[in-house]
């Protein structure tokens, strides 16, 4: 990282940024072409969880290449200046890499869907068997993760 003074190495601080984030941007490789998709997500401190339709571009790509990059950010405010080049942004961000695996087992999928819902609500949800079957859920096993901040 070029600006090492902005690096976040404390995993608890990185986790806090993820927990305050509303969107996970998932980077995929579609036959050598980049593809980024913003997603709702869940995070349990070890893995990320995302959902998808059973068929579609994201699912097709992940069948061919399960290696992913993910990104979270929180914009904390604009920094103004007398000249355009002095303007900046205060932010927190997290980037990482991992492997996405399609979850097959019903109870584990329902738990992952609840993890996604807990990112946005304080309630545990009950999912019908049909809704669990009709939803693709991916567990992203995190291999690498880092954070950066400017405040």
Protein backbone atom coordinates (compact mmCIF):
# COMPACT_ATOMS: atom_id res chain seq x y z
CA UNK A 1 0.00 0.00 0.00
CA UNK A 2 1.50 3.29 -1.11
CA UNK A 3 0.11 5.33 1.81
CA UNK A 4 0.97 2.99 4.68
CA UNK A 5 -0.16 5.55 7.28
CA UNK A 6 -3.72 5.00 6.03
CA UNK A 7 -3.59 1.22 6.27
CA UNK A 8 -5.85 -0.52 8.78
CA UNK A 9 -4.31 -3.72 10.11
CA UNK A 10 -6.53 -4.31 13.13
CA UNK A 11 -9.06 -7.00 12.17
CA UNK A 12 -11.65 -5.64 14.64
CA UNK A 13 -11.48 -2.25 12.90
CA UNK A 14 -11.85 -3.92 9.50
CA UNK A 15 -14.83 -5.93 10.77
CA UNK A 16 -16.44 -2.73 12.11
CA UNK A 17 -16.23 -1.12 8.65
CA UNK A 18 -17.87 -4.17 7.06
CA UNK A 19 -20.63 -4.20 9.68
CA UNK A 20 -21.39 -0.51 8.99
CA UNK A 21 -21.41 -1.00 5.20
CA UNK A 22 -24.58 -1.32 3.17
CA UNK A 23 -23.18 -2.72 -0.09
CA UNK A 24 -20.57 -5.31 -1.01
CA UNK A 25 -19.07 -4.87 -4.45
CA UNK A 26 -18.07 -8.26 -5.79
CA UNK A 27 -15.43 -8.43 -8.50
CA UNK A 28 -15.52 -11.43 -10.83
CA UNK A 29 -13.60 -12.46 -13.93
CA UNK A 30 -15.80 -13.31 -16.91
CA UNK A 31 -13.48 -15.05 -19.37
CA UNK A 32 -10.75 -12.54 -18.62
CA UNK A 33 -13.06 -9.51 -18.54
CA UNK A 34 -13.77 -7.75 -15.24
CA UNK A 35 -17.33 -7.79 -13.94
CA UNK A 36 -18.33 -5.95 -10.75
CA UNK A 37 -21.71 -6.29 -9.12
CA UNK A 38 -23.07 -4.47 -6.04
CA UNK A 39 -24.77 -6.84 -3.61
CA UNK A 40 -26.56 -7.17 -0.33
CA UNK A 41 -24.41 -9.32 1.91
CA UNK A 42 -23.95 -10.94 5.27
CA UNK A 43 -20.75 -11.27 7.28
CA UNK A 44 -20.10 -13.61 10.20
CA UNK A 45 -16.54 -12.51 11.01
CA UNK A 46 -15.04 -15.29 8.88
CA UNK A 47 -17.09 -15.56 5.70
CA UNK A 48 -19.18 -13.32 3.48
CA UNK A 49 -22.56 -14.50 2.20
CA UNK A 50 -24.35 -13.28 -0.91
CA UNK A 51 -27.40 -14.52 -2.75
CA UNK A 52 -28.29 -14.75 -6.40
CA UNK A 53 -30.78 -16.19 -8.81
CA UNK A 54 -30.21 -19.84 -9.64
CA UNK A 55 -29.27 -18.78 -13.17
CA UNK A 56 -27.84 -15.56 -14.52
CA UNK A 57 -24.55 -13.92 -15.34
CA UNK A 58 -23.16 -13.87 -11.78
CA UNK A 59 -23.97 -17.55 -11.23
CA UNK A 60 -22.58 -18.48 -14.66
CA UNK A 61 -19.32 -16.67 -13.97
CA UNK A 62 -18.92 -18.26 -10.54
CA UNK A 63 -19.38 -21.74 -12.03
CA UNK A 64 -16.38 -21.05 -14.29
CA UNK A 65 -14.19 -19.12 -11.83
CA UNK A 66 -14.94 -19.02 -8.12
CA UNK A 67 -12.07 -16.63 -7.25
CA UNK A 68 -13.48 -13.24 -6.26
CA UNK A 69 -12.45 -9.83 -5.03
CA UNK A 70 -14.73 -7.86 -2.73
CA UNK A 71 -14.87 -4.24 -1.64
CA UNK A 72 -16.69 -2.18 0.98
CA UNK A 73 -16.51 1.57 1.47
CA UNK A 74 -17.96 4.29 3.61
CA UNK A 75 -17.68 7.89 2.47
CA UNK A 76 -17.29 10.08 5.56
CA UNK A 77 -17.21 13.50 3.97
CA UNK A 78 -15.73 15.74 1.32
CA UNK A 79 -12.52 17.61 2.09
CA UNK A 80 -12.52 20.99 0.32
CA UNK A 81 -9.59 23.14 -0.67
CA UNK A 82 -8.64 26.37 -2.41
CA UNK A 83 -7.63 24.48 -5.55
CA UNK A 84 -9.30 21.52 -7.22
CA UNK A 85 -6.29 19.28 -6.56
CA UNK A 86 -6.64 19.95 -2.82
CA UNK A 87 -10.09 18.39 -2.67
CA UNK A 88 -10.36 14.87 -1.34
CA UNK A 89 -12.64 12.50 0.55
CA UNK A 90 -12.57 11.12 4.07
CA UNK A 91 -13.41 7.42 3.87
CA UNK A 92 -13.01 3.93 5.24
CA UNK A 93 -12.61 1.00 2.88
CA UNK A 94 -11.97 -2.72 2.91
CA UNK A 95 -10.80 -4.90 0.06
CA UNK A 96 -10.22 -8.62 0.05
CA UNK A 97 -9.97 -11.80 -1.94
CA UNK A 98 -11.55 -15.19 -1.52
CA UNK A 99 -13.29 -18.16 -3.05
CA UNK A 100 -17.05 -18.34 -3.53
CA UNK A 101 -18.74 -21.67 -3.07
CA UNK A 102 -22.36 -22.48 -3.82
CA UNK A 103 -24.10 -23.67 -0.67
CA UNK A 104 -26.24 -26.77 -1.14
CA UNK A 105 -27.57 -27.77 2.29
CA UNK A 106 -30.93 -26.23 3.26
CA UNK A 107 -30.31 -25.40 6.94
CA UNK A 108 -26.90 -23.87 6.21
CA UNK A 109 -28.41 -21.84 3.34
CA UNK A 110 -31.20 -20.58 5.60
CA UNK A 111 -28.61 -19.62 8.25
CA UNK A 112 -26.63 -17.76 5.57
CA UNK A 113 -29.77 -15.93 4.41
CA UNK A 114 -30.38 -14.92 8.03
CA UNK A 115 -26.80 -13.66 8.20
CA UNK A 116 -27.53 -11.48 5.16
CA UNK A 117 -30.73 -10.19 6.77
CA UNK A 118 -28.91 -9.40 10.05
CA UNK A 119 -26.74 -6.94 8.13
CA UNK A 120 -29.88 -4.86 7.59
CA UNK A 121 -32.28 -5.78 10.43
CA UNK A 122 -32.24 -6.91 14.06
CA UNK A 123 -34.65 -9.77 13.48
CA UNK A 124 -34.17 -13.47 12.78
CA UNK A 125 -36.25 -14.53 9.81
CA UNK A 126 -37.91 -17.79 8.89
CA UNK A 127 -37.49 -18.84 5.28
CA UNK A 128 -39.80 -21.30 3.59
CA UNK A 129 -38.21 -24.42 2.20
CA UNK A 130 -39.28 -23.33 -1.28
CA UNK A 131 -37.59 -19.92 -0.99
CA UNK A 132 -34.38 -21.55 0.21
CA UNK A 133 -34.45 -24.04 -2.68
CA UNK A 134 -35.18 -21.24 -5.19
CA UNK A 135 -32.21 -19.09 -4.07
CA UNK A 136 -28.54 -19.54 -4.84
CA UNK A 137 -26.46 -18.67 -1.78
CA UNK A 138 -22.69 -18.31 -1.95
CA UNK A 139 -20.27 -18.50 0.95
CA UNK A 140 -17.12 -16.51 0.25
CA UNK A 141 -14.21 -17.88 2.22
CA UNK A 142 -11.91 -14.93 2.84
CA UNK A 143 -8.26 -15.54 1.96
CA UNK A 144 -6.95 -11.98 2.25
CA UNK A 145 -8.39 -8.77 3.66
CA UNK A 146 -7.11 -5.25 4.32
CA UNK A 147 -8.46 -1.84 5.19
CA UNK A 148 -7.67 1.78 4.49
CA UNK A 149 -8.88 5.06 5.96
CA UNK A 150 -8.55 8.81 5.58
CA UNK A 151 -10.16 10.96 8.21
